[in-house]
PDB file of all heavy atoms in Angstrom:
ATOM      1  N   PRO A   1     178.060  77.866  90.696  1.00  0.00           N
ATOM      2  CA  PRO A   1     177.783  77.983  89.249  1.00  0.00           C
ATOM      3  C   PRO A   1     178.917  78.798  88.520  1.00  0.00           C
ATOM      4  O   PRO A   1     179.252  78.469  87.435  1.00  0.00           O
ATOM      5  CB  PRO A   1     176.466  78.660  89.185  1.00  0.00           C
ATOM      6  CG  PRO A   1     175.801  78.345  90.448  1.00  0.00           C
ATOM      7  CD  PRO A   1     176.898  78.259  91.491  1.00  0.00           C
ATOM      8  N   ALA A   2     179.411  79.810  89.190  1.00  0.00           N
ATOM      9  CA  ALA A   2     180.443  80.659  88.550  1.00  0.00           C
ATOM     10  C   ALA A   2     181.761  79.916  88.334  1.00  0.00           C
ATOM     11  O   ALA A   2     182.554  80.268  87.479  1.00  0.00           O
ATOM     12  CB  ALA A   2     180.729  81.893  89.377  1.00  0.00           C
ATOM     13  N   ASP A   3     181.916  78.763  89.057  1.00  0.00           N
ATOM     14  CA  ASP A   3     183.147  77.963  88.910  1.00  0.00           C
ATOM     15  C   ASP A   3     183.054  76.946  87.758  1.00  0.00           C
ATOM     16  O   ASP A   3     184.046  76.309  87.453  1.00  0.00           O
ATOM     17  CB  ASP A   3     183.488  77.302  90.212  1.00  0.00           C
ATOM     18  CG  ASP A   3     183.922  78.266  91.300  1.00  0.00           C
ATOM     19  OD1 ASP A   3     184.281  79.439  90.987  1.00  0.00           O
ATOM     20  OD2 ASP A   3     183.862  77.883  92.487  1.00  0.00           O
ATOM     21  N   LEU A   4     181.865  76.739  87.240  1.00  0.00           N
ATOM     22  CA  LEU A   4     181.649  75.735  86.216  1.00  0.00           C
ATOM     23  C   LEU A   4     181.948  76.354  84.901  1.00  0.00           C
ATOM     24  O   LEU A   4     181.595  77.466  84.577  1.00  0.00           O
ATOM     25  CB  LEU A   4     180.250  75.212  86.253  1.00  0.00           C
ATOM     26  CG  LEU A   4     179.776  74.507  87.510  1.00  0.00           C
ATOM     27  CD1 LEU A   4     178.343  74.175  87.523  1.00  0.00           C
ATOM     28  CD2 LEU A   4     180.616  73.277  87.748  1.00  0.00           C
ATOM     29  N   PRO A   5     182.675  75.609  84.023  1.00  0.00           N
ATOM     30  CA  PRO A   5     183.008  76.146  82.684  1.00  0.00           C
ATOM     31  C   PRO A   5     181.804  76.220  81.762  1.00  0.00           C
ATOM     32  O   PRO A   5     180.882  75.422  81.838  1.00  0.00           O
ATOM     33  CB  PRO A   5     184.058  75.144  82.146  1.00  0.00           C
ATOM     34  CG  PRO A   5     183.716  73.884  82.873  1.00  0.00           C
ATOM     35  CD  PRO A   5     183.200  74.250  84.192  1.00  0.00           C
ATOM     36  N   VAL A   6     181.831  77.198  80.918  1.00  0.00           N
ATOM     37  CA  VAL A   6     180.808  77.288  79.859  1.00  0.00           C
ATOM     38  C   VAL A   6     181.123  76.209  78.818  1.00  0.00           C
ATOM     39  O   VAL A   6     182.262  76.017  78.433  1.00  0.00           O
ATOM     40  CB  VAL A   6     180.830  78.747  79.213  1.00  0.00           C
ATOM     41  CG1 VAL A   6     179.864  78.780  78.025  1.00  0.00           C
ATOM     42  CG2 VAL A   6     180.516  79.741  80.254  1.00  0.00           C
ATOM     43  N   GLN A   7     180.097  75.515  78.369  1.00  0.00           N
ATOM     44  CA  GLN A   7     180.298  74.416  77.413  1.00  0.00           C
ATOM     45  C   GLN A   7     179.533  74.709  76.146  1.00  0.00           C
ATOM     46  O   GLN A   7     178.368  75.245  76.177  1.00  0.00           O
ATOM     47  CB  GLN A   7     179.834  73.124  78.039  1.00  0.00           C
ATOM     48  CG  GLN A   7     180.603  72.655  79.138  1.00  0.00           C
ATOM     49  CD  GLN A   7     180.250  71.270  79.580  1.00  0.00           C
ATOM     50  OE1 GLN A   7     179.623  70.533  78.817  1.00  0.00           O
ATOM     51  NE2 GLN A   7     180.631  70.857  80.763  1.00  0.00           N
ATOM     52  N   ALA A   8     180.119  74.362  75.085  1.00  0.00           N
ATOM     53  CA  ALA A   8     179.499  74.459  73.730  1.00  0.00           C
ATOM     54  C   ALA A   8     179.013  73.056  73.379  1.00  0.00           C
ATOM     55  O   ALA A   8     179.558  72.038  73.880  1.00  0.00           O
ATOM     56  CB  ALA A   8     180.487  74.984  72.698  1.00  0.00           C
ATOM     57  N   PRO A   9     178.032  72.946  72.488  1.00  0.00           N
ATOM     58  CA  PRO A   9     177.656  71.619  72.008  1.00  0.00           C
ATOM     59  C   PRO A   9     178.851  70.851  71.417  1.00  0.00           C
ATOM     60  O   PRO A   9     179.719  71.473  70.745  1.00  0.00           O
ATOM     61  CB  PRO A   9     176.641  71.902  70.892  1.00  0.00           C
ATOM     62  CG  PRO A   9     176.141  73.299  71.233  1.00  0.00           C
ATOM     63  CD  PRO A   9     177.274  74.020  71.867  1.00  0.00           C
ATOM     64  N   THR A  10     178.861  69.592  71.637  1.00  0.00           N
ATOM     65  CA  THR A  10     179.979  68.754  71.066  1.00  0.00           C
ATOM     66  C   THR A  10     179.502  67.712  70.163  1.00  0.00           C
ATOM     67  O   THR A  10     180.232  67.057  69.434  1.00  0.00           O
ATOM     68  CB  THR A  10     180.778  68.101  72.231  1.00  0.00           C
ATOM     69  OG1 THR A  10     179.888  67.305  73.026  1.00  0.00           O
ATOM     70  CG2 THR A  10     181.436  69.148  73.121  1.00  0.00           C
ATOM     71  N   LYS A  11     178.181  67.372  70.250  1.00  0.00           N
ATOM     72  CA  LYS A  11     177.583  66.313  69.428  1.00  0.00           C
ATOM     73  C   LYS A  11     176.614  66.906  68.397  1.00  0.00           C
ATOM     74  O   LYS A  11     175.667  67.609  68.816  1.00  0.00           O
ATOM     75  CB  LYS A  11     176.925  65.298  70.308  1.00  0.00           C
ATOM     76  CG  LYS A  11     176.440  64.088  69.555  1.00  0.00           C
ATOM     77  CD  LYS A  11     175.822  63.051  70.441  1.00  0.00           C
ATOM     78  CE  LYS A  11     175.328  61.885  69.659  1.00  0.00           C
ATOM     79  NZ  LYS A  11     174.523  60.945  70.475  1.00  0.00           N
ATOM     80  N   TYR A  12     176.890  66.680  67.156  1.00  0.00           N
ATOM     81  CA  TYR A  12     176.002  67.204  66.083  1.00  0.00           C
ATOM     82  C   TYR A  12     175.447  65.989  65.324  1.00  0.00           C
ATOM     83  O   TYR A  12     176.106  64.995  65.209  1.00  0.00           O
ATOM     84  CB  TYR A  12     176.765  68.113  65.144  1.00  0.00           C
ATOM     85  CG  TYR A  12     177.160  69.380  65.797  1.00  0.00           C
ATOM     86  CD1 TYR A  12     178.302  69.503  66.624  1.00  0.00           C
ATOM     87  CD2 TYR A  12     176.352  70.507  65.662  1.00  0.00           C
ATOM     88  CE1 TYR A  12     178.618  70.691  67.250  1.00  0.00           C
ATOM     89  CE2 TYR A  12     176.699  71.727  66.275  1.00  0.00           C
ATOM     90  CZ  TYR A  12     177.814  71.775  67.076  1.00  0.00           C
ATOM     91  OH  TYR A  12     178.122  72.944  67.674  1.00  0.00           O
ATOM     92  N   GLU A  13     174.224  66.151  64.848  1.00  0.00           N
ATOM     93  CA  GLU A  13     173.567  65.014  64.229  1.00  0.00           C
ATOM     94  C   GLU A  13     173.011  65.416  62.826  1.00  0.00           C
ATOM     95  O   GLU A  13     172.120  66.146  62.693  1.00  0.00           O
ATOM     96  CB  GLU A  13     172.463  64.427  65.030  1.00  0.00           C
ATOM     97  CG  GLU A  13     171.453  65.358  65.541  1.00  0.00           C
ATOM     98  CD  GLU A  13     170.408  64.820  66.384  1.00  0.00           C
ATOM     99  OE1 GLU A  13     170.437  63.584  66.711  1.00  0.00           O
ATOM    100  OE2 GLU A  13     169.447  65.539  66.792  1.00  0.00           O
ATOM    101  N   PRO A  14     173.693  64.921  61.740  1.00  0.00           N
ATOM    102  CA  PRO A  14     173.212  65.115  60.408  1.00  0.00           C
ATOM    103  C   PRO A  14     172.065  64.156  60.108  1.00  0.00           C
ATOM    104  O   PRO A  14     172.222  62.941  60.375  1.00  0.00           O
ATOM    105  CB  PRO A  14     174.416  64.917  59.493  1.00  0.00           C
ATOM    106  CG  PRO A  14     175.400  64.149  60.322  1.00  0.00           C
ATOM    107  CD  PRO A  14     175.085  64.351  61.767  1.00  0.00           C
ATOM    108  N   VAL A  15     170.947  64.669  59.518  1.00  0.00           N
ATOM    109  CA  VAL A  15     169.836  63.867  59.186  1.00  0.00           C
ATOM    110  C   VAL A  15     169.533  64.191  57.738  1.00  0.00           C
ATOM    111  O   VAL A  15     169.460  65.376  57.319  1.00  0.00           O
ATOM    112  CB  VAL A  15     168.611  64.155  60.038  1.00  0.00           C
ATOM    113  CG1 VAL A  15     167.406  63.392  59.611  1.00  0.00           C
ATOM    114  CG2 VAL A  15     168.926  63.787  61.519  1.00  0.00           C
ATOM    115  N   ILE A  16     169.276  63.232  56.903  1.00  0.00           N
ATOM    116  CA  ILE A  16     168.936  63.424  55.479  1.00  0.00           C
ATOM    117  C   ILE A  16     167.650  62.723  55.189  1.00  0.00           C
ATOM    118  O   ILE A  16     167.436  61.524  55.570  1.00  0.00           O
ATOM    119  CB  ILE A  16     170.091  62.822  54.587  1.00  0.00           C
ATOM    120  CG1 ILE A  16     171.400  63.561  54.881  1.00  0.00           C
ATOM    121  CG2 ILE A  16     169.678  62.935  53.099  1.00  0.00           C
ATOM    122  CD1 ILE A  16     172.557  62.910  54.203  1.00  0.00           C
ATOM    123  N   ASN A  17     166.709  63.413  54.556  1.00  0.00           N
ATOM    124  CA  ASN A  17     165.438  62.886  54.186  1.00  0.00           C
ATOM    125  C   ASN A  17     165.471  62.547  52.711  1.00  0.00           C
ATOM    126  O   ASN A  17     165.360  63.414  51.862  1.00  0.00           O
ATOM    127  CB  ASN A  17     164.342  63.890  54.519  1.00  0.00           C
ATOM    128  CG  ASN A  17     162.924  63.317  54.374  1.00  0.00           C
ATOM    129  OD1 ASN A  17     162.659  62.511  53.489  1.00  0.00           O
ATOM    130  ND2 ASN A  17     162.066  63.706  55.265  1.00  0.00           N
ATOM    131  N   LEU A  18     165.651  61.245  52.414  1.00  0.00           N
ATOM    132  CA  LEU A  18     165.733  60.783  51.026  1.00  0.00           C
ATOM    133  C   LEU A  18     164.388  60.903  50.303  1.00  0.00           C
ATOM    134  O   LEU A  18     164.403  61.121  49.030  1.00  0.00           O
ATOM    135  CB  LEU A  18     166.253  59.353  50.984  1.00  0.00           C
ATOM    136  CG  LEU A  18     167.758  59.160  51.097  1.00  0.00           C
ATOM    137  CD1 LEU A  18     168.108  57.659  50.952  1.00  0.00           C
ATOM    138  CD2 LEU A  18     168.472  59.967  50.055  1.00  0.00           C
ATOM    139  N   ARG A  19     163.311  60.807  51.018  1.00  0.00           N
ATOM    140  CA  ARG A  19     162.031  60.968  50.353  1.00  0.00           C
ATOM    141  C   ARG A  19     161.840  62.384  49.776  1.00  0.00           C
ATOM    142  O   ARG A  19     161.387  62.539  48.615  1.00  0.00           O
ATOM    143  CB  ARG A  19     160.853  60.688  51.325  1.00  0.00           C
ATOM    144  CG  ARG A  19     160.590  59.250  51.636  1.00  0.00           C
ATOM    145  CD  ARG A  19     159.443  59.125  52.510  1.00  0.00           C
ATOM    146  NE  ARG A  19     159.876  59.671  53.824  1.00  0.00           N
ATOM    147  CZ  ARG A  19     159.195  59.612  54.985  1.00  0.00           C
ATOM    148  NH1 ARG A  19     158.015  58.979  54.973  1.00  0.00           N
ATOM    149  NH2 ARG A  19     159.626  60.115  56.099  1.00  0.00           N
ATOM    150  N   THR A  20     162.285  63.342  50.560  1.00  0.00           N
ATOM    151  CA  THR A  20     162.229  64.704  50.103  1.00  0.00           C
ATOM    152  C   THR A  20     163.228  64.898  48.935  1.00  0.00           C
ATOM    153  O   THR A  20     162.913  65.596  47.929  1.00  0.00           O
ATOM    154  CB  THR A  20     162.555  65.720  51.256  1.00  0.00           C
ATOM    155  OG1 THR A  20     161.608  65.483  52.284  1.00  0.00           O
ATOM    156  CG2 THR A  20     162.514  67.118  50.807  1.00  0.00           C
ATOM    157  N   ALA A  21     164.415  64.353  49.028  1.00  0.00           N
ATOM    158  CA  ALA A  21     165.399  64.470  47.947  1.00  0.00           C
ATOM    159  C   ALA A  21     164.877  63.903  46.644  1.00  0.00           C
ATOM    160  O   ALA A  21     165.006  64.509  45.560  1.00  0.00           O
ATOM    161  CB  ALA A  21     166.705  63.797  48.362  1.00  0.00           C
ATOM    162  N   LYS A  22     164.240  62.758  46.709  1.00  0.00           N
ATOM    163  CA  LYS A  22     163.691  62.116  45.502  1.00  0.00           C
ATOM    164  C   LYS A  22     162.512  62.971  44.931  1.00  0.00           C
ATOM    165  O   LYS A  22     162.455  63.129  43.742  1.00  0.00           O
ATOM    166  CB  LYS A  22     163.210  60.691  45.832  1.00  0.00           C
ATOM    167  CG  LYS A  22     164.359  59.785  46.053  1.00  0.00           C
ATOM    168  CD  LYS A  22     163.837  58.347  46.433  1.00  0.00           C
ATOM    169  CE  LYS A  22     165.109  57.493  46.749  1.00  0.00           C
ATOM    170  NZ  LYS A  22     164.677  56.154  47.287  1.00  0.00           N
ATOM    171  N   ALA A  23     161.714  63.475  45.784  1.00  0.00           N
ATOM    172  CA  ALA A  23     160.586  64.326  45.357  1.00  0.00           C
ATOM    173  C   ALA A  23     161.079  65.610  44.659  1.00  0.00           C
ATOM    174  O   ALA A  23     160.433  66.137  43.724  1.00  0.00           O
ATOM    175  CB  ALA A  23     159.660  64.712  46.540  1.00  0.00           C
ATOM    176  N   MET A  24     162.284  66.088  45.071  1.00  0.00           N
ATOM    177  CA  MET A  24     162.860  67.278  44.498  1.00  0.00           C
ATOM    178  C   MET A  24     163.737  66.956  43.310  1.00  0.00           C
ATOM    179  O   MET A  24     164.245  67.844  42.623  1.00  0.00           O
ATOM    180  CB  MET A  24     163.670  68.001  45.558  1.00  0.00           C
ATOM    181  CG  MET A  24     162.831  68.559  46.699  1.00  0.00           C
ATOM    182  SD  MET A  24     163.845  69.298  47.928  1.00  0.00           S
ATOM    183  CE  MET A  24     164.168  70.898  47.244  1.00  0.00           C
ATOM    184  N   GLY A  25     163.934  65.657  42.996  1.00  0.00           N
ATOM    185  CA  GLY A  25     164.777  65.257  41.895  1.00  0.00           C
ATOM    186  C   GLY A  25     166.272  65.419  42.193  1.00  0.00           C
ATOM    187  O   GLY A  25     167.068  65.572  41.267  1.00  0.00           O
ATOM    188  N   LEU A  26     166.610  65.320  43.472  1.00  0.00           N
ATOM    189  CA  LEU A  26     168.040  65.448  43.813  1.00  0.00           C
ATOM    190  C   LEU A  26     168.596  64.113  44.128  1.00  0.00           C
ATOM    191  O   LEU A  26     167.958  63.253  44.732  1.00  0.00           O
ATOM    192  CB  LEU A  26     168.151  66.339  45.077  1.00  0.00           C
ATOM    193  CG  LEU A  26     167.689  67.796  44.978  1.00  0.00           C
ATOM    194  CD1 LEU A  26     167.710  68.457  46.299  1.00  0.00           C
ATOM    195  CD2 LEU A  26     168.503  68.472  43.969  1.00  0.00           C
ATOM    196  N   GLU A  27     169.858  63.926  43.817  1.00  0.00           N
ATOM    197  CA  GLU A  27     170.576  62.698  44.186  1.00  0.00           C
ATOM    198  C   GLU A  27     171.595  63.058  45.243  1.00  0.00           C
ATOM    199  O   GLU A  27     172.394  63.991  45.070  1.00  0.00           O
ATOM    200  CB  GLU A  27     171.342  62.147  42.948  1.00  0.00           C
ATOM    201  CG  GLU A  27     171.943  60.812  43.232  1.00  0.00           C
ATOM    202  CD  GLU A  27     172.560  60.193  41.993  1.00  0.00           C
ATOM    203  OE1 GLU A  27     171.996  60.407  40.922  1.00  0.00           O
ATOM    204  OE2 GLU A  27     173.599  59.561  42.177  1.00  0.00           O
ATOM    205  N   VAL A  28     171.518  62.363  46.374  1.00  0.00           N
ATOM    206  CA  VAL A  28     172.362  62.627  47.501  1.00  0.00           C
ATOM    207  C   VAL A  28     173.603  61.744  47.312  1.00  0.00           C
ATOM    208  O   VAL A  28     173.471  60.504  47.235  1.00  0.00           O
ATOM    209  CB  VAL A  28     171.655  62.343  48.848  1.00  0.00           C
ATOM    210  CG1 VAL A  28     172.594  62.620  50.021  1.00  0.00           C
ATOM    211  CG2 VAL A  28     170.421  63.209  48.949  1.00  0.00           C
ATOM    212  N   PRO A  29     174.795  62.299  47.344  1.00  0.00           N
ATOM    213  CA  PRO A  29     176.010  61.509  47.189  1.00  0.00           C
ATOM    214  C   PRO A  29     176.115  60.439  48.312  1.00  0.00           C
ATOM    215  O   PRO A  29     175.830  60.714  49.474  1.00  0.00           O
ATOM    216  CB  PRO A  29     177.130  62.521  47.303  1.00  0.00           C
ATOM    217  CG  PRO A  29     176.532  63.835  46.994  1.00  0.00           C
ATOM    218  CD  PRO A  29     175.110  63.707  47.484  1.00  0.00           C
ATOM    219  N   PRO A  30     176.618  59.258  47.958  1.00  0.00           N
ATOM    220  CA  PRO A  30     176.781  58.182  48.943  1.00  0.00           C
ATOM    221  C   PRO A  30     177.681  58.552  50.114  1.00  0.00           C
ATOM    222  O   PRO A  30     177.422  58.150  51.205  1.00  0.00           O
ATOM    223  CB  PRO A  30     177.379  57.018  48.096  1.00  0.00           C
ATOM    224  CG  PRO A  30     177.061  57.314  46.695  1.00  0.00           C
ATOM    225  CD  PRO A  30     176.956  58.814  46.602  1.00  0.00           C
ATOM    226  N   THR A  31     178.672  59.402  49.830  1.00  0.00           N
ATOM    227  CA  THR A  31     179.609  59.816  50.937  1.00  0.00           C
ATOM    228  C   THR A  31     178.801  60.661  51.982  1.00  0.00           C
ATOM    229  O   THR A  31     179.095  60.570  53.167  1.00  0.00           O
ATOM    230  CB  THR A  31     180.779  60.611  50.365  1.00  0.00           C
ATOM    231  OG1 THR A  31     180.266  61.684  49.577  1.00  0.00           O
ATOM    232  CG2 THR A  31     181.650  59.761  49.546  1.00  0.00           C
ATOM    233  N   LEU A  32     177.922  61.471  51.524  1.00  0.00           N
ATOM    234  CA  LEU A  32     177.060  62.266  52.462  1.00  0.00           C
ATOM    235  C   LEU A  32     176.130  61.359  53.195  1.00  0.00           C
ATOM    236  O   LEU A  32     175.930  61.522  54.421  1.00  0.00           O
ATOM    237  CB  LEU A  32     176.329  63.359  51.677  1.00  0.00           C
ATOM    238  CG  LEU A  32     175.528  64.325  52.540  1.00  0.00           C
ATOM    239  CD1 LEU A  32     176.456  65.066  53.494  1.00  0.00           C
ATOM    240  CD2 LEU A  32     174.872  65.306  51.593  1.00  0.00           C
ATOM    241  N   LEU A  33     175.492  60.419  52.525  1.00  0.00           N
ATOM    242  CA  LEU A  33     174.637  59.409  53.201  1.00  0.00           C
ATOM    243  C   LEU A  33     175.356  58.641  54.282  1.00  0.00           C
ATOM    244  O   LEU A  33     174.849  58.364  55.337  1.00  0.00           O
ATOM    245  CB  LEU A  33     173.984  58.469  52.181  1.00  0.00           C
ATOM    246  CG  LEU A  33     172.977  59.090  51.233  1.00  0.00           C
ATOM    247  CD1 LEU A  33     172.581  58.085  50.232  1.00  0.00           C
ATOM    248  CD2 LEU A  33     171.764  59.546  52.001  1.00  0.00           C
ATOM    249  N   ALA A  34     176.621  58.280  53.991  1.00  0.00           N
ATOM    250  CA  ALA A  34     177.389  57.544  54.949  1.00  0.00           C
ATOM    251  C   ALA A  34     177.716  58.301  56.251  1.00  0.00           C
ATOM    252  O   ALA A  34     177.863  57.728  57.258  1.00  0.00           O
ATOM    253  CB  ALA A  34     178.733  57.053  54.303  1.00  0.00           C
ATOM    254  N   ARG A  35     177.738  59.615  56.102  1.00  0.00           N
ATOM    255  CA  ARG A  35     178.074  60.440  57.318  1.00  0.00           C
ATOM    256  C   ARG A  35     176.867  60.808  58.105  1.00  0.00           C
ATOM    257  O   ARG A  35     177.001  61.321  59.229  1.00  0.00           O
ATOM    258  CB  ARG A  35     178.758  61.717  56.856  1.00  0.00           C
ATOM    259  CG  ARG A  35     180.086  61.413  56.101  1.00  0.00           C
ATOM    260  CD  ARG A  35     180.896  62.560  55.964  1.00  0.00           C
ATOM    261  NE  ARG A  35     181.642  62.779  57.278  1.00  0.00           N
ATOM    262  CZ  ARG A  35     182.343  63.785  57.506  1.00  0.00           C
ATOM    263  NH1 ARG A  35     182.577  64.744  56.608  1.00  0.00           N
ATOM    264  NH2 ARG A  35     182.949  63.937  58.646  1.00  0.00           N
ATOM    265  N   ALA A  36     175.670  60.519  57.591  1.00  0.00           N
ATOM    266  CA  ALA A  36     174.435  60.891  58.321  1.00  0.00           C
ATOM    267  C   ALA A  36     174.213  60.009  59.507  1.00  0.00           C
ATOM    268  O   ALA A  36     174.415  58.780  59.433  1.00  0.00           O
ATOM    269  CB  ALA A  36     173.265  60.863  57.334  1.00  0.00           C
ATOM    270  N   ASP A  37     173.727  60.566  60.586  1.00  0.00           N
ATOM    271  CA  ASP A  37     173.307  59.811  61.775  1.00  0.00           C
ATOM    272  C   ASP A  37     172.003  59.087  61.484  1.00  0.00           C
ATOM    273  O   ASP A  37     171.754  58.012  62.018  1.00  0.00           O
ATOM    274  CB  ASP A  37     173.139  60.712  62.952  1.00  0.00           C
ATOM    275  CG  ASP A  37     174.444  61.094  63.600  1.00  0.00           C
ATOM    276  OD1 ASP A  37     175.503  60.605  63.227  1.00  0.00           O
ATOM    277  OD2 ASP A  37     174.425  61.967  64.474  1.00  0.00           O
ATOM    278  N   GLU A  38     171.155  59.719  60.638  1.00  0.00           N
ATOM    279  CA  GLU A  38     169.849  59.098  60.267  1.00  0.00           C
ATOM    280  C   GLU A  38     169.524  59.430  58.849  1.00  0.00           C
ATOM    281  O   GLU A  38     169.711  60.563  58.406  1.00  0.00           O
ATOM    282  CB  GLU A  38     168.750  59.625  61.181  1.00  0.00           C
ATOM    283  CG  GLU A  38     167.400  59.073  60.931  1.00  0.00           C
ATOM    284  CD  GLU A  38     166.328  59.525  61.835  1.00  0.00           C
ATOM    285  OE1 GLU A  38     166.598  60.279  62.774  1.00  0.00           O
ATOM    286  OE2 GLU A  38     165.179  59.175  61.649  1.00  0.00           O
ATOM    287  N   VAL A  39     169.073  58.425  58.115  1.00  0.00           N
ATOM    288  CA  VAL A  39     168.580  58.617  56.753  1.00  0.00           C
ATOM    289  C   VAL A  39     167.146  58.263  56.774  1.00  0.00           C
ATOM    290  O   VAL A  39     166.799  57.069  57.071  1.00  0.00           O
ATOM    291  CB  VAL A  39     169.406  57.770  55.750  1.00  0.00           C
ATOM    292  CG1 VAL A  39     168.805  57.916  54.334  1.00  0.00           C
ATOM    293  CG2 VAL A  39     170.896  58.198  55.791  1.00  0.00           C
ATOM    294  N   ILE A  40     166.302  59.131  56.407  1.00  0.00           N
ATOM    295  CA  ILE A  40     164.854  58.878  56.314  1.00  0.00           C
ATOM    296  C   ILE A  40     164.474  58.467  54.950  1.00  0.00           C
ATOM    297  O   ILE A  40     164.716  59.231  53.986  1.00  0.00           O
ATOM    298  CB  ILE A  40     164.045  60.120  56.744  1.00  0.00           C
ATOM    299  CG1 ILE A  40     164.452  60.516  58.187  1.00  0.00           C
ATOM    300  CG2 ILE A  40     162.532  59.929  56.603  1.00  0.00           C
ATOM    301  CD1 ILE A  40     163.914  61.899  58.612  1.00  0.00           C
TER     302      ILE A  40
END
């Protein structure tokens, strides 16, 4: 185990909840939506 390198996370997942955004009266820019892994 001491010979194995320490690793940091490499995969991040952006998730946007459009239902919540609409309920809050927020408009999410299309460029941000395009970068999301999941849009609810």
